[in-house]
Structures are given as structure tokens and as C-alpha cells.
Amino acid sequence: MKENQHVFGHLIAQCRTHEPLRTAVCFPQSDVALTGAVEAALEQLISPVLIGQAREIRRLAGVLGLNIDHHELVDAADEVAAARRAVELCRTGKCGALMKGSLHTDILMHEALDPETGLRTARRESHVFVLSVPTYPNILMVTDAAVTIYPTLDDKVDIVQDAIDLACAIGIERPKVAILSAIETVNAKIRSTIDAAALCKMADRGQITGGILEGPLAFDNAVSLRAAKIKHINSPVAGAADILVVPDLESGNMLAKQLEYLAEAETAGIVVGARVPIILTSRADGPNARLASCALAVLMNRARHQAAPMQLAV
């Protein structure tokens, strides 16, 4: 058994004392999408509202041998209509989370991020990969690898704060945040090093709270204490990072997928910074990853209700 195979199981176990989270499941019209929603319901993580072509969802459930009789079913003509209805249910408070089914991510996020009818708040929305890596002793988070293509410094402030808040919600006290670049020194020709230095100073001044920031750090210095010592980097984050903040979407997406396919990491994924957690799953995700993504939404929702509500965009 892999050393940290229990990591996602621990996330799911934290949700056992909570009521299932009413979740708008948008267009669950593939084997993995419908099965993932039903399995999450069986684990009592979510109470799914299945939104899509009702006849097709019932037919697919019959083919797969899934019992959906106790789950609410909302008929929608196509992917766009399903996305609009799912977002509406979340915006009006009838559902506490949004879950991607078999539709394309762009369609769902277009509706979710609509400035008039979507789920935007005063913060920038971003995506967090939560990874269980067999060769790393603790949970590793990578952000933003799916929403913000080329984040500005202001964007990165929200990206960092939202990742810290998520880490705290799943039980990581004072998460260690590594701001990644290609090198570990500030270089005016590499913008990510300037951003890293600014973010660390902002944390010193209380503009980012709840975590310990260090950067710029190269990837090896962030996850390997040996590499950090060789380069004489003395920091509580070096070699022990909980959160990796990447320079842009391209580098983050590559990093997360390299860890998944070359280091055999399991990945869960969630969008933060919106009115409700948005569960983004891939067709290639296994059962543990889908359940862990739902568990992240449950724990985020609990943390939000315990804290003051975020200011909504106007």
C-alpha cells in the first residue's frame, strides 16, 4: 500500500458528521459523471440535484444499474440550459455546491462566471488541485492550474488567499505556501520572481493572512529539504510546502498532470472564490478523486458558514 493512500480517505472521513451538501450536478450524462454523483450520495457527501435531459439520465441510470429514484431530477434541453439552471440554483441558495457532469468545462464556467447572473464574488475565482502524492508526506495543493491563464499580481493575491482558506478548511493549520518560479532569487527579467517577493511582503503586512509564504522558490526547493539546504535556503516552507502557487495556468496544469501521470498522484479539484464551491472533475478521474473533490466542497461549505460571508460582487 502506498504510504499516503489514506489521504483522500481522511478528507472524506472529516465529512461524516455533516449533513450531505445539496449539490447541483450539471449534465451528468456519461457513465463516470452519473456514477460519481450517485457514489458521492451513497457516501453521504452530497444530496445531488441531477440537471440535464431527464429521459437520457433515467435511461443511463438503468443501463448502469444505478438507483436515482430518491434524487431530484431537473429537465434541461441541452448543456447550456443545464448550466444556466444549475448556476441559478446555486445563486438563489437552493444548492450549496455546483458539480460538473459530462459537459465541457468552458460551458459551465461561462455561466458560473457571468458578471450578472453567475456566482462571482469580490474575489477572483481560481482552481486548486489537491494531490495525494505517494512520494510526498502530506497533501500538496497546486493553484491556479485551470481558470486564470496569466494572473496579475492582484489576481495572485486572491489565488493565494483562497488556497490558504481551503487548506485551513481541510484541517491544515498555518499552511506553508511556496510561490514558484524558475529560480529562488529575485530577477527583474522574470516577472514571477517579482510577484513572489511582493506577495511575501504583502503577507508580512497583513494583506494576505493565515499562511506562511516564501518565494520565489524553484520547485525542488519547495518540496525537497535536501535541495533547499544545498542552496542555503533557510525557511519553514522550503522542503515542506503545502501549497504551490504557480506563475501561470500552463505551468500549473503541466505540473499537476506530471505529478498525476509520472508520480502516480491522485488528484481532486475544486474552484474557489465563487459564491459556492465548484467541483470540477475530469473524465479520467477515479472514484477516490471524485469523492475527495466532493469532500472538499463539503469542508469548504462548513468553513464558510463558520466564518463571516464574503462580500459579493455588485
Foldseek 3Di string as FASTA:
>chain_A
DQPQPCALVLLLVVCPVDAAFEEEEFAQQDPCQLVLVQVLVVSRNHQYAYEEAVVSSVVSCVVVVHDCVPHHYHYAHHRLRRLLVRQQCCVVPVGFEYEYHPDDPVSNVCQQPPPPRHFAFPADKAKKKWKDFSVADHIAIEIRQPDFFADDLRNVLRGVQQVLLLCVLSPDFQAEEAQEDQAFAADPVGVSQVSLVVSQVCVVVVSHDGHHGGDDDHPQQQQCVVVCVVVPNDDPRGNPHRYYYYRGNVVRNVVVVCSCPVRVMAIFMWMDNTQAIYGYDDPPHDSSNSSSSSSSRSSSSVSCVVDDHGGGDD
